[in-house]
N, C-alpha and C. Protein backbone atom coordinates (compact mmCIF):
# COMPACT_ATOMS: atom_id res chain seq x y z
N MET A 1 18.99 20.98 49.37
CA MET A 1 19.09 22.67 50.18
C MET A 1 18.64 22.22 51.31
N PRO A 2 19.91 22.36 52.16
CA PRO A 2 19.51 22.41 53.69
C PRO A 2 18.16 23.19 54.46
N SER A 3 18.05 24.18 54.18
CA SER A 3 16.76 24.60 54.81
C SER A 3 16.48 26.18 53.93
N MET A 4 15.09 26.39 53.51
CA MET A 4 14.99 27.49 52.72
C MET A 4 14.82 28.54 53.66
N ASP A 5 14.00 28.29 54.98
CA ASP A 5 13.55 28.93 55.72
C ASP A 5 13.42 28.50 57.21
N HIS A 6 13.78 28.75 58.38
CA HIS A 6 13.70 28.16 59.54
C HIS A 6 13.93 29.50 60.46
N GLY A 7 13.31 29.22 62.04
CA GLY A 7 13.67 30.05 62.87
C GLY A 7 14.95 30.30 63.47
N LEU A 8 14.90 31.33 64.09
CA LEU A 8 16.28 31.71 64.97
C LEU A 8 16.45 32.43 66.19
N THR A 9 17.24 31.84 66.87
CA THR A 9 17.20 32.03 68.31
C THR A 9 18.42 32.11 68.81
N GLY A 10 19.28 33.02 69.23
CA GLY A 10 20.55 32.78 70.17
C GLY A 10 21.15 34.17 69.79
N ILE A 11 22.22 34.22 70.51
CA ILE A 11 22.91 35.67 70.67
C ILE A 11 24.53 35.49 69.90
N ILE A 12 24.78 36.48 69.21
CA ILE A 12 26.33 36.37 68.65
C ILE A 12 27.05 37.45 69.34
N GLU A 13 28.38 37.24 70.35
CA GLU A 13 28.92 38.21 71.10
C GLU A 13 29.80 38.77 69.70
N THR A 14 30.03 39.98 69.84
CA THR A 14 31.37 40.78 69.05
C THR A 14 31.84 41.48 69.93
N HIS A 15 32.93 42.21 69.21
CA HIS A 15 33.72 43.56 70.02
C HIS A 15 33.29 44.27 70.24
N THR A 16 31.89 44.71 69.63
CA THR A 16 31.20 45.87 70.12
C THR A 16 29.98 45.57 71.21
N GLY A 17 29.72 44.13 71.22
CA GLY A 17 28.77 43.57 72.54
C GLY A 17 28.08 42.50 71.29
N GLN A 18 26.48 42.88 71.92
CA GLN A 18 25.88 41.43 71.52
C GLN A 18 24.71 41.78 70.18
N VAL A 19 24.85 40.97 69.57
CA VAL A 19 23.57 40.86 68.55
C VAL A 19 22.26 39.53 68.87
N ARG A 20 21.53 39.88 69.07
CA ARG A 20 20.44 38.81 69.20
C ARG A 20 19.42 38.40 68.02
N PHE A 21 19.13 37.50 67.84
CA PHE A 21 18.56 36.66 66.76
C PHE A 21 16.91 35.92 67.00
N ASP A 22 16.58 36.55 68.08
CA ASP A 22 15.52 36.05 69.12
C ASP A 22 14.60 36.30 67.58
N GLU A 23 13.57 35.64 67.40
CA GLU A 23 12.28 35.32 66.63
C GLU A 23 12.73 35.90 65.45
N GLY A 24 14.22 35.66 64.96
CA GLY A 24 14.80 35.80 63.47
C GLY A 24 14.43 34.74 62.51
N ARG A 25 14.50 34.87 61.08
CA ARG A 25 14.47 34.03 59.98
C ARG A 25 15.94 33.71 59.69
N GLY A 26 15.98 32.22 59.08
CA GLY A 26 17.38 31.71 58.54
C GLY A 26 17.33 30.89 57.41
N TYR A 27 18.27 30.82 56.87
CA TYR A 27 18.57 30.23 55.28
C TYR A 27 19.80 29.39 55.38
N ALA A 28 20.09 28.39 54.58
CA ALA A 28 21.07 27.59 54.60
C ALA A 28 21.20 26.76 53.52
N GLU A 29 22.52 26.93 52.79
CA GLU A 29 22.65 26.43 51.70
C GLU A 29 24.05 25.91 51.63
N LYS A 30 24.14 24.74 50.78
CA LYS A 30 25.94 24.23 50.38
C LYS A 30 25.97 24.14 48.71
N ASP A 31 27.27 24.58 48.46
CA ASP A 31 27.58 24.59 47.53
C ASP A 31 28.86 23.86 47.22
N TRP A 32 28.82 23.16 45.86
CA TRP A 32 29.83 22.50 45.72
C TRP A 32 30.98 22.90 44.70
N GLY A 33 32.13 22.33 44.63
CA GLY A 33 32.92 22.59 43.58
C GLY A 33 34.31 23.30 44.24
N ARG A 34 35.09 23.89 43.09
CA ARG A 34 36.51 24.32 43.41
C ARG A 34 36.49 25.73 42.73
N SER A 35 35.43 26.52 41.82
CA SER A 35 35.65 27.65 41.41
C SER A 35 34.03 27.78 41.13
N PHE A 36 34.23 29.48 40.98
CA PHE A 36 32.50 30.00 40.42
C PHE A 36 32.46 29.46 39.06
N PRO A 37 31.28 29.72 39.06
CA PRO A 37 30.69 29.93 37.19
C PRO A 37 31.31 31.00 36.61
N GLN A 38 31.34 31.09 35.06
CA GLN A 38 31.58 32.28 34.42
C GLN A 38 30.71 33.72 34.52
N ALA A 39 29.85 33.17 34.71
CA ALA A 39 28.73 34.08 34.90
C ALA A 39 27.27 33.67 36.04
N TRP A 40 26.68 34.51 36.59
CA TRP A 40 25.80 34.04 37.54
C TRP A 40 24.55 35.03 38.09
N ILE A 41 23.48 34.67 37.82
CA ILE A 41 22.69 35.40 39.32
C ILE A 41 22.27 34.96 40.37
N TRP A 42 22.48 35.03 41.86
CA TRP A 42 21.72 34.23 42.70
C TRP A 42 21.52 35.41 43.92
N ALA A 43 20.22 35.02 44.29
CA ALA A 43 19.69 35.96 45.10
C ALA A 43 18.72 35.11 46.29
N GLN A 44 18.65 35.46 47.83
CA GLN A 44 17.57 34.67 48.40
C GLN A 44 17.17 35.86 49.36
N CYS A 45 15.70 35.15 49.54
CA CYS A 45 15.13 36.47 50.47
C CYS A 45 13.95 35.56 51.30
N ASN A 46 14.07 36.11 52.47
CA ASN A 46 12.56 34.83 53.30
C ASN A 46 12.38 36.48 54.34
N SER A 47 12.28 37.50 54.03
CA SER A 47 12.12 38.77 54.66
C SER A 47 10.81 39.19 54.02
N PHE A 48 9.55 38.51 53.73
CA PHE A 48 8.62 39.22 52.98
C PHE A 48 7.25 39.76 53.95
N ALA A 49 6.78 40.58 53.85
CA ALA A 49 5.64 40.88 54.48
C ALA A 49 4.54 39.61 55.23
N GLN A 50 4.43 38.40 54.32
CA GLN A 50 3.65 37.58 54.15
C GLN A 50 4.96 36.43 55.09
N PRO A 51 4.24 36.13 56.10
CA PRO A 51 5.18 35.06 57.02
C PRO A 51 5.31 33.53 56.05
N GLY A 52 6.36 33.01 56.14
CA GLY A 52 6.20 31.48 55.69
C GLY A 52 6.93 31.58 53.93
N VAL A 53 7.32 33.23 53.56
CA VAL A 53 7.48 32.58 52.01
C VAL A 53 9.21 33.10 51.95
N SER A 54 9.72 32.31 51.24
CA SER A 54 10.92 32.16 50.99
C SER A 54 11.66 31.96 49.27
N VAL A 55 12.35 33.07 48.70
CA VAL A 55 12.60 32.38 47.58
C VAL A 55 13.82 32.45 47.39
N THR A 56 14.35 31.45 46.67
CA THR A 56 16.01 31.36 46.28
C THR A 56 16.21 31.19 44.74
N VAL A 57 17.12 32.02 44.12
CA VAL A 57 17.18 31.98 42.50
C VAL A 57 18.70 31.97 42.25
N SER A 58 19.08 31.38 41.29
CA SER A 58 20.29 30.66 40.90
C SER A 58 19.95 30.56 39.21
N VAL A 59 20.74 31.38 38.87
CA VAL A 59 20.81 31.11 37.25
C VAL A 59 22.62 31.46 36.96
N VAL A 60 22.63 30.45 36.27
CA VAL A 60 24.45 30.16 36.28
C VAL A 60 24.62 29.61 34.73
N ARG A 61 25.85 30.26 34.34
CA ARG A 61 26.76 29.47 32.88
C ARG A 61 27.32 28.32 33.46
N VAL A 62 26.53 27.25 32.74
CA VAL A 62 27.57 25.91 33.37
C VAL A 62 28.13 25.26 32.23
N PRO A 63 29.61 25.08 32.65
CA PRO A 63 30.22 24.59 31.29
C PRO A 63 29.78 23.00 30.92
N TRP A 64 29.83 22.70 29.73
CA TRP A 64 29.47 21.04 29.63
C TRP A 64 30.27 20.71 28.35
N LEU A 65 30.87 19.92 28.33
CA LEU A 65 31.56 19.30 27.35
C LEU A 65 32.52 20.40 26.49
N ARG A 66 32.57 20.51 25.54
CA ARG A 66 33.18 21.71 25.01
C ARG A 66 32.21 23.19 24.79
N SER A 67 30.99 23.11 25.39
CA SER A 67 30.19 24.28 25.08
C SER A 67 29.88 24.75 26.49
N ALA A 68 28.49 25.48 26.50
CA ALA A 68 28.02 25.79 27.88
C ALA A 68 26.91 26.08 27.75
N PHE A 69 25.84 26.15 28.82
CA PHE A 69 24.30 26.10 28.63
C PHE A 69 23.87 27.21 29.65
N THR A 70 23.12 27.98 30.08
CA THR A 70 22.10 28.53 31.10
C THR A 70 21.57 27.67 31.87
N GLY A 71 21.50 27.57 32.86
CA GLY A 71 20.93 26.23 33.71
C GLY A 71 20.40 27.51 34.93
N VAL A 72 19.08 26.70 35.66
CA VAL A 72 18.53 27.41 36.65
C VAL A 72 18.10 26.55 37.60
N ILE A 73 18.09 27.09 38.78
CA ILE A 73 17.70 26.27 39.91
C ILE A 73 16.84 27.42 40.98
N VAL A 74 15.57 27.55 40.78
CA VAL A 74 14.83 28.43 41.40
C VAL A 74 13.50 27.62 42.51
N GLY A 75 13.58 28.15 43.40
CA GLY A 75 12.70 27.50 44.44
C GLY A 75 12.17 28.78 45.12
N VAL A 76 10.63 28.57 45.64
CA VAL A 76 9.96 29.69 45.96
C VAL A 76 8.87 28.71 47.07
N LEU A 77 9.41 28.64 48.73
CA LEU A 77 8.51 28.21 49.33
C LEU A 77 7.53 29.19 49.93
N LEU A 78 6.15 28.60 49.45
CA LEU A 78 4.85 29.27 50.05
C LEU A 78 3.94 28.65 50.68
N ASP A 79 3.67 28.91 51.88
CA ASP A 79 2.56 28.21 53.22
C ASP A 79 3.05 26.55 52.91
N GLY A 80 4.26 26.21 53.19
CA GLY A 80 5.00 25.16 53.42
C GLY A 80 4.89 24.38 52.21
N ARG A 81 4.49 24.69 51.27
CA ARG A 81 4.75 23.99 49.70
C ARG A 81 6.06 24.43 48.94
N LEU A 82 6.78 23.75 48.39
CA LEU A 82 8.01 24.29 47.75
C LEU A 82 7.55 24.16 46.07
N PHE A 83 7.83 25.28 45.34
CA PHE A 83 7.52 25.15 44.03
C PHE A 83 8.74 25.19 43.49
N ARG A 84 9.41 24.30 43.03
CA ARG A 84 10.89 23.89 42.03
C ARG A 84 10.75 24.49 40.47
N PHE A 85 11.48 25.20 40.27
CA PHE A 85 11.95 25.46 38.97
C PHE A 85 13.54 25.16 38.78
N ALA A 86 13.66 24.18 37.84
CA ALA A 86 15.06 23.85 37.46
C ALA A 86 15.11 23.12 36.10
N THR A 87 16.11 23.66 35.58
CA THR A 87 16.73 22.91 34.26
C THR A 87 16.26 21.35 34.19
N TYR A 88 16.67 20.59 35.60
CA TYR A 88 16.56 19.08 35.45
C TYR A 88 15.08 18.70 35.43
N THR A 89 14.36 19.81 35.84
CA THR A 89 13.08 19.50 36.14
C THR A 89 11.99 19.93 34.71
N GLY A 90 13.01 20.14 33.71
CA GLY A 90 12.08 20.60 32.46
C GLY A 90 11.83 22.14 32.82
N ALA A 91 12.14 22.89 33.79
CA ALA A 91 11.47 24.31 33.45
C ALA A 91 12.35 25.16 32.71
N ARG A 92 12.09 26.47 32.06
CA ARG A 92 12.67 26.95 31.11
C ARG A 92 12.99 28.21 31.60
N LEU A 93 13.85 29.11 31.21
CA LEU A 93 14.30 30.45 31.62
C LEU A 93 13.67 31.27 30.04
N GLU A 94 12.58 31.65 30.36
CA GLU A 94 11.85 32.34 29.22
C GLU A 94 12.39 33.67 28.88
N TYR A 95 12.96 34.38 29.89
CA TYR A 95 13.43 35.94 30.01
C TYR A 95 14.42 36.23 30.64
N LEU A 96 15.35 36.96 30.37
CA LEU A 96 16.64 37.44 31.39
C LEU A 96 17.17 38.79 30.55
N LYS A 97 16.96 39.59 31.73
CA LYS A 97 17.72 40.92 31.18
C LYS A 97 18.68 41.83 32.41
N THR A 98 19.84 41.57 32.38
CA THR A 98 20.66 42.18 33.25
C THR A 98 21.38 43.54 32.92
N ALA A 99 21.54 44.50 33.93
CA ALA A 99 21.82 45.59 33.61
C ALA A 99 22.51 46.00 34.97
N GLU A 100 23.13 47.12 34.81
CA GLU A 100 24.32 47.34 36.08
C GLU A 100 23.52 47.59 37.38
N GLY A 101 23.16 46.27 37.90
CA GLY A 101 22.85 46.60 39.36
C GLY A 101 21.54 45.93 39.54
N THR A 102 20.71 45.43 38.19
CA THR A 102 19.58 44.98 38.27
C THR A 102 19.34 43.62 37.48
N ALA A 103 18.74 42.81 37.69
CA ALA A 103 18.10 41.73 36.61
C ALA A 103 16.63 41.70 37.04
N GLU A 104 16.06 41.03 35.63
CA GLU A 104 14.69 40.65 35.37
C GLU A 104 14.69 39.00 35.11
N LEU A 105 13.74 38.09 35.41
CA LEU A 105 14.11 37.17 35.01
C LEU A 105 12.59 36.76 34.70
N VAL A 106 12.13 35.44 33.84
CA VAL A 106 10.93 34.84 33.78
C VAL A 106 11.67 33.22 33.98
N VAL A 107 10.94 32.71 34.71
CA VAL A 107 11.11 31.05 34.44
C VAL A 107 9.93 30.42 34.61
N ALA A 108 9.29 29.54 33.92
CA ALA A 108 8.36 28.69 34.17
C ALA A 108 8.42 27.20 33.94
N ASP A 109 7.52 26.38 34.26
CA ASP A 109 7.28 25.17 33.62
C ASP A 109 5.64 24.88 33.42
N GLU A 110 5.59 23.73 33.18
CA GLU A 110 4.28 23.28 32.45
C GLU A 110 3.16 23.90 33.23
N SER A 111 3.06 24.35 34.61
CA SER A 111 1.83 24.44 35.57
C SER A 111 2.26 26.05 36.37
N HIS A 112 3.20 26.60 36.17
CA HIS A 112 3.78 27.61 36.98
C HIS A 112 4.59 28.66 36.08
N ARG A 113 4.56 29.96 36.40
CA ARG A 113 5.08 31.15 35.89
C ARG A 113 5.91 31.71 36.99
N LEU A 114 6.84 32.28 36.90
CA LEU A 114 7.38 33.05 38.24
C LEU A 114 8.27 34.11 37.45
N SER A 115 7.92 35.39 37.89
CA SER A 115 8.66 36.34 37.93
C SER A 115 9.41 37.04 38.42
N VAL A 116 10.84 37.78 38.28
CA VAL A 116 11.55 38.24 39.60
C VAL A 116 12.22 39.26 39.18
N ARG A 117 12.24 40.17 40.06
CA ARG A 117 12.96 41.58 39.53
C ARG A 117 13.75 41.47 40.78
N LEU A 118 15.18 41.98 40.42
CA LEU A 118 16.49 42.04 41.28
C LEU A 118 17.17 43.36 41.16
N SER A 119 17.31 43.85 42.10
CA SER A 119 18.18 44.86 42.74
C SER A 119 19.47 45.13 43.57
N GLY A 120 20.40 45.52 43.42
CA GLY A 120 21.30 45.37 44.47
C GLY A 120 21.50 46.87 44.82
N ALA A 121 22.07 47.18 46.37
CA ALA A 121 22.27 48.44 46.83
C ALA A 121 23.78 48.37 47.41
N ALA A 122 24.56 49.23 46.97
CA ALA A 122 25.78 49.08 48.10
C ALA A 122 26.39 47.98 48.01
N PRO A 123 27.04 47.09 47.20
CA PRO A 123 27.13 45.65 47.29
C PRO A 123 28.93 45.41 48.32
N GLY A 124 28.84 44.62 48.97
CA GLY A 124 30.36 44.85 49.41
C GLY A 124 31.26 43.82 48.29
N THR A 125 32.29 43.45 48.96
CA THR A 125 33.43 42.61 48.16
C THR A 125 33.68 41.57 49.04
N LEU A 126 33.28 40.33 48.43
CA LEU A 126 33.75 38.97 49.31
C LEU A 126 34.74 38.03 48.25
N ARG A 127 35.50 37.25 48.75
CA ARG A 127 36.35 36.74 47.95
C ARG A 127 35.67 35.26 47.73
N SER A 128 36.14 34.96 46.53
CA SER A 128 35.67 33.83 46.28
C SER A 128 36.59 32.69 45.58
N PRO A 129 36.06 31.38 45.22
CA PRO A 129 37.06 30.38 45.04
C PRO A 129 37.29 30.37 43.70
N VAL A 130 38.73 30.36 43.23
CA VAL A 130 39.09 29.94 41.44
C VAL A 130 40.23 28.68 41.85
N LEU A 131 39.90 27.97 41.02
CA LEU A 131 40.74 26.32 41.12
C LEU A 131 41.22 26.27 42.57
N GLY A 132 40.15 26.14 43.96
CA GLY A 132 40.86 25.70 44.92
C GLY A 132 41.15 26.89 45.91
N GLY A 133 41.30 28.02 45.43
CA GLY A 133 42.06 29.09 45.95
C GLY A 133 41.16 30.46 45.83
N MET A 134 41.26 30.91 46.79
CA MET A 134 40.51 32.21 47.25
C MET A 134 41.06 33.32 46.65
N ALA A 135 40.75 33.29 45.03
CA ALA A 135 41.66 34.35 44.26
C ALA A 135 40.40 35.34 43.70
N GLY A 136 39.04 34.75 43.67
CA GLY A 136 38.29 35.62 42.82
C GLY A 136 37.54 36.66 44.03
N THR A 137 36.63 37.50 43.18
CA THR A 137 35.85 38.57 43.83
C THR A 137 34.35 38.65 43.56
N VAL A 138 33.41 38.19 44.35
CA VAL A 138 31.94 38.50 44.42
C VAL A 138 31.61 40.01 45.06
N TYR A 139 30.48 40.25 44.10
CA TYR A 139 30.01 41.44 44.69
C TYR A 139 28.35 40.98 45.40
N GLU A 140 28.15 41.04 46.52
CA GLU A 140 27.05 41.15 47.13
C GLU A 140 26.51 41.67 48.33
N THR A 141 25.18 42.29 48.03
CA THR A 141 24.15 42.94 49.01
C THR A 141 23.60 42.17 49.64
N LEU A 142 23.42 42.51 51.15
CA LEU A 142 22.18 42.03 51.73
C LEU A 142 20.98 42.85 51.82
N THR A 143 21.05 43.99 51.17
CA THR A 143 19.90 44.99 51.52
C THR A 143 19.35 45.27 49.69
N GLY A 144 19.60 44.17 49.28
CA GLY A 144 18.75 44.16 47.50
C GLY A 144 17.40 44.18 47.70
N GLU A 145 17.00 44.49 46.87
CA GLU A 145 15.45 44.36 46.51
C GLU A 145 15.01 42.85 45.63
N MET A 146 14.12 42.90 45.84
CA MET A 146 13.38 41.58 45.43
C MET A 146 11.80 41.47 45.55
N HIS A 147 11.43 41.28 43.88
CA HIS A 147 9.96 41.31 43.50
C HIS A 147 9.72 40.21 42.92
N VAL A 148 8.60 39.33 43.09
CA VAL A 148 8.31 38.01 42.72
C VAL A 148 6.74 38.00 42.68
N THR A 149 6.39 37.34 41.75
CA THR A 149 5.22 36.99 41.37
C THR A 149 4.86 35.61 40.72
N LEU A 150 4.48 34.65 41.43
CA LEU A 150 4.23 33.34 41.02
C LEU A 150 2.98 32.97 40.65
N GLU A 151 2.98 32.63 39.61
CA GLU A 151 1.23 32.42 38.81
C GLU A 151 1.19 30.59 38.36
N ALA A 152 0.00 30.63 38.67
CA ALA A 152 -0.28 29.19 38.26
C ALA A 152 -1.13 29.31 37.01
N LEU A 153 -0.88 28.37 36.23
CA LEU A 153 -1.35 28.30 34.85
C LEU A 153 -1.90 27.16 34.38
N GLY A 154 -3.35 27.18 33.88
CA GLY A 154 -4.36 26.70 33.55
C GLY A 154 -5.34 26.81 32.77
N ASN A 155 -5.71 26.34 31.58
CA ASN A 155 -6.61 26.16 30.97
C ASN A 155 -7.11 27.44 30.86
N GLY A 156 -5.89 27.89 30.03
CA GLY A 156 -5.35 29.23 29.14
C GLY A 156 -5.69 30.83 30.30
N ARG A 157 -5.63 30.25 31.42
CA ARG A 157 -5.72 31.71 32.64
C ARG A 157 -4.38 31.16 33.22
N ARG A 158 -4.21 32.75 34.29
CA ARG A 158 -3.16 32.70 35.15
C ARG A 158 -4.06 33.15 36.36
N GLU A 159 -3.50 32.55 37.35
CA GLU A 159 -3.93 33.12 38.81
C GLU A 159 -2.84 32.99 39.82
N THR A 160 -2.82 34.46 39.86
CA THR A 160 -1.59 34.90 41.03
C THR A 160 -1.60 34.10 42.18
N LEU A 161 -0.54 33.27 42.65
CA LEU A 161 -0.39 32.80 43.94
C LEU A 161 0.24 33.34 45.09
N LEU A 162 1.16 34.55 44.34
CA LEU A 162 2.08 35.05 45.27
C LEU A 162 2.37 36.63 44.41
N ASP A 163 2.21 37.71 45.25
CA ASP A 163 2.82 38.93 44.41
C ASP A 163 3.49 39.43 45.61
N ALA A 164 4.69 39.27 45.78
CA ALA A 164 5.55 39.86 47.31
C ALA A 164 6.84 40.70 46.84
N HIS A 165 7.21 41.55 47.66
CA HIS A 165 8.40 42.58 47.76
C HIS A 165 8.93 42.44 48.94
N SER A 166 10.48 42.66 48.86
CA SER A 166 11.66 42.78 49.75
C SER A 166 12.59 44.16 49.69
N THR A 167 12.90 44.56 50.41
CA THR A 167 14.18 45.49 50.24
C THR A 167 15.29 44.91 51.52
N ARG A 168 15.30 43.32 51.64
CA ARG A 168 16.09 42.58 52.61
C ARG A 168 16.61 41.47 51.87
N ALA A 169 16.80 41.59 50.67
CA ALA A 169 17.45 40.15 49.86
C ALA A 169 18.81 40.25 49.58
N ALA A 170 19.47 39.16 49.68
CA ALA A 170 20.72 39.02 49.60
C ALA A 170 20.73 38.70 47.91
N VAL A 171 21.72 39.55 47.49
CA VAL A 171 21.67 39.60 46.00
C VAL A 171 23.18 39.39 45.44
N GLU A 172 23.45 38.69 44.70
CA GLU A 172 24.61 38.65 43.64
C GLU A 172 24.16 38.71 42.29
N LEU A 173 24.86 39.65 41.56
CA LEU A 173 24.65 40.04 40.36
C LEU A 173 25.90 39.77 39.41
N MET A 174 26.37 38.63 38.72
CA MET A 174 27.67 38.62 38.10
C MET A 174 27.32 38.13 36.64
N ASP A 175 26.87 39.01 35.87
CA ASP A 175 26.62 38.89 34.26
C ASP A 175 27.41 39.77 33.53
N GLU A 176 28.71 40.32 34.02
CA GLU A 176 29.15 41.83 33.35
C GLU A 176 29.28 41.26 31.81
N GLN A 177 29.34 40.36 31.36
CA GLN A 177 29.36 40.29 29.75
C GLN A 177 28.11 39.45 29.07
N GLY A 178 26.91 39.72 30.18
CA GLY A 178 25.59 39.38 29.35
C GLY A 178 25.77 37.91 29.01
N VAL A 179 26.48 37.19 29.52
CA VAL A 179 26.34 35.54 28.90
C VAL A 179 25.43 34.58 29.22
N LEU A 180 24.41 35.23 30.48
CA LEU A 180 23.22 34.56 31.12
C LEU A 180 21.94 34.28 29.85
N ALA A 181 22.06 35.06 28.99
CA ALA A 181 20.77 35.11 27.96
C ALA A 181 19.99 33.94 27.73
N PRO A 182 18.79 33.36 27.75
CA PRO A 182 18.51 32.14 27.54
C PRO A 182 18.76 31.74 26.38
N ASP A 183 19.10 30.10 26.29
CA ASP A 183 19.95 29.81 25.36
C ASP A 183 19.36 29.39 23.86
N GLY A 184 17.96 29.85 23.89
CA GLY A 184 17.61 30.03 22.42
C GLY A 184 18.08 31.47 21.75
N ARG A 185 18.93 32.28 22.40
CA ARG A 185 19.43 33.55 21.92
C ARG A 185 20.72 33.76 21.64
N ASP A 186 21.59 32.73 22.43
CA ASP A 186 23.02 32.83 22.38
C ASP A 186 23.78 33.02 20.82
């Protein structure tokens, strides 16, 4: 990930005037491939009341050999520490429920548990790649809501490290067929 949270300073000139980004927050990522997956949930937010908090969520139906599995890559940046939940690190998707415009998920590893609630508001339509051409459609909002709760697990107890909410999250909910259920339920 190029950057989960960085400062912004600058100006963009538009046909209607200038947009200033002084003291703004930024996020940058890189995607690889020629097509989007069958289904996915993606969200990002670094506009929480508590400074220094950034969350990125990616739940994807990954084609593999002659089958597919649901994979996760989730990161929480909290006070300079990155909490990483990913299929390749052994984290597991414990719960996922999607409905029109909303998603709830729980992902956990041996030492931490993260609960995320997402909702979108009036998404815009973007073009997306399909086999190298821009023939697909993605619905994304920049005014989505994200609520996150990060807990440390240990000695049979849970300690809440973060409980945060924002109404300025980028959200894509692309699971109309409900195929992203955790793999034990497919």
